[in-house]
Amino acid sequence: MQCPCGCGETIELMIMEGVYPRWDIQTDTRNRPTLYPSVWLKSGCRSHFWLRKGRVVWCKPENCV
């Protein structure tokens, strides 16, 4: 996926069993994806967000630990 901040970074997330780190993906009845846990880029733009029901929810410093 492309980073939602617009920096152009390509983000690759592993969703296969038995790999680490790994994300779980679920879709709702409208096929909107939700990812667990959050996505946190440790370099570059350093974006930190959740993908919930197909929407990006940005992490605010006071509630992201």
C-alpha atoms as a PDB file:
ATOM      1  CA  MET A   1       0.000   0.000   0.000  1.00  0.00           C
ATOM      2  CA  GLN A   2       1.083   3.624  -0.401  1.00  0.00           C
ATOM      3  CA  CYS A   3       1.701   5.644   2.742  1.00  0.00           C
ATOM      4  CA  PRO A   4      -1.443   7.678   3.410  1.00  0.00           C
ATOM      5  CA  CYS A   5       0.581  10.800   4.309  1.00  0.00           C
ATOM      6  CA  GLY A   6       1.383  11.316   0.637  1.00  0.00           C
ATOM      7  CA  CYS A   7       5.167  10.898   0.950  1.00  0.00           C
ATOM      8  CA  GLY A   8       5.144   8.245  -1.807  1.00  0.00           C
ATOM      9  CA  GLU A   9       6.591   5.478   0.390  1.00  0.00           C
ATOM     10  CA  THR A  10       5.393   1.958  -0.378  1.00  0.00           C
ATOM     11  CA  ILE A  11       4.429   0.062   2.774  1.00  0.00           C
ATOM     12  CA  GLU A  12       4.602  -3.722   2.725  1.00  0.00           C
ATOM     13  CA  LEU A  13       2.745  -5.506   5.522  1.00  0.00           C
ATOM     14  CA  MET A  14       3.019  -9.229   6.160  1.00  0.00           C
ATOM     15  CA  ILE A  15      -0.340 -10.943   6.731  1.00  0.00           C
ATOM     16  CA  MET A  16       0.820 -14.574   6.493  1.00  0.00           C
ATOM     17  CA  GLU A  17       0.696 -16.891   9.503  1.00  0.00           C
ATOM     18  CA  GLY A  18       4.032 -17.638  11.159  1.00  0.00           C
ATOM     19  CA  VAL A  19       5.911 -14.496  10.134  1.00  0.00           C
ATOM     20  CA  TYR A  20       6.967 -11.563  12.300  1.00  0.00           C
ATOM     21  CA  PRO A  21       6.058  -8.772  12.340  1.00  0.00           C
ATOM     22  CA  ARG A  22       2.616  -9.628  11.098  1.00  0.00           C
ATOM     23  CA  TRP A  23      -0.729  -7.867  10.725  1.00  0.00           C
ATOM     24  CA  ASP A  24      -4.223  -9.290  10.790  1.00  0.00           C
ATOM     25  CA  ILE A  25      -6.675  -8.034   8.210  1.00  0.00           C
ATOM     26  CA  GLN A  26     -10.445  -8.238   8.411  1.00  0.00           C
ATOM     27  CA  THR A  27     -13.092  -6.926   6.068  1.00  0.00           C
ATOM     28  CA  ASP A  28     -16.591  -5.839   6.956  1.00  0.00           C
ATOM     29  CA  THR A  29     -19.773  -6.546   5.000  1.00  0.00           C
ATOM     30  CA  ARG A  30     -18.861  -3.730   2.593  1.00  0.00           C
ATOM     31  CA  ASN A  31     -15.345  -5.205   2.036  1.00  0.00           C
ATOM     32  CA  ARG A  32     -13.657  -2.327   3.864  1.00  0.00           C
ATOM     33  CA  PRO A  33     -10.335  -3.482   5.382  1.00  0.00           C
ATOM     34  CA  THR A  34      -9.305  -3.165   9.017  1.00  0.00           C
ATOM     35  CA  LEU A  35      -5.706  -3.894  10.071  1.00  0.00           C
ATOM     36  CA  TYR A  36      -4.381  -4.909  13.497  1.00  0.00           C
ATOM     37  CA  PRO A  37      -2.077  -3.686  14.987  1.00  0.00           C
ATOM     38  CA  SER A  38      -1.361  -0.114  13.937  1.00  0.00           C
ATOM     39  CA  VAL A  39       1.152   0.709  11.201  1.00  0.00           C
ATOM     40  CA  TRP A  40       4.150   2.686  12.455  1.00  0.00           C
ATOM     41  CA  LEU A  41       6.963   3.649  10.119  1.00  0.00           C
ATOM     42  CA  LYS A  42      10.193   3.877  12.098  1.00  0.00           C
ATOM     43  CA  SER A  43      12.018   5.880   9.399  1.00  0.00           C
ATOM     44  CA  GLY A  44      11.201   8.320   6.624  1.00  0.00           C
ATOM     45  CA  CYS A  45       7.952  10.175   7.290  1.00  0.00           C
ATOM     46  CA  ARG A  46       7.439   8.236  10.567  1.00  0.00           C
ATOM     47  CA  SER A  47       3.673   7.933  10.022  1.00  0.00           C
ATOM     48  CA  HIS A  48       1.697   6.076  12.679  1.00  0.00           C
ATOM     49  CA  PHE A  49      -1.888   5.115  11.931  1.00  0.00           C
ATOM     50  CA  TRP A  50      -4.596   2.478  12.060  1.00  0.00           C
ATOM     51  CA  LEU A  51      -6.640   1.339   9.095  1.00  0.00           C
ATOM     52  CA  ARG A  52     -10.223   0.903  10.273  1.00  0.00           C
ATOM     53  CA  LYS A  53     -13.125   0.115   7.967  1.00  0.00           C
ATOM     54  CA  GLY A  54     -11.085   1.366   5.005  1.00  0.00           C
ATOM     55  CA  ARG A  55     -10.248   4.699   6.629  1.00  0.00           C
ATOM     56  CA  VAL A  56      -6.949   5.954   7.977  1.00  0.00           C
ATOM     57  CA  VAL A  57      -7.070   6.933  11.653  1.00  0.00           C
ATOM     58  CA  TRP A  58      -3.945   8.897  12.525  1.00  0.00           C
ATOM     59  CA  CYS A  59      -2.265   8.219  15.819  1.00  0.00           C
ATOM     60  CA  LYS A  60      -2.107  11.218  18.118  1.00  0.00           C
ATOM     61  CA  PRO A  61       0.983  11.312  20.355  1.00  0.00           C
ATOM     62  CA  GLU A  62      -1.059  11.437  23.569  1.00  0.00           C
ATOM     63  CA  ASN A  63      -2.887   8.155  22.837  1.00  0.00           C
ATOM     64  CA  CYS A  64      -0.253   6.105  21.025  1.00  0.00           C
ATOM     65  CA  VAL A  65       1.991   3.948  23.113  1.00  0.00           C
END
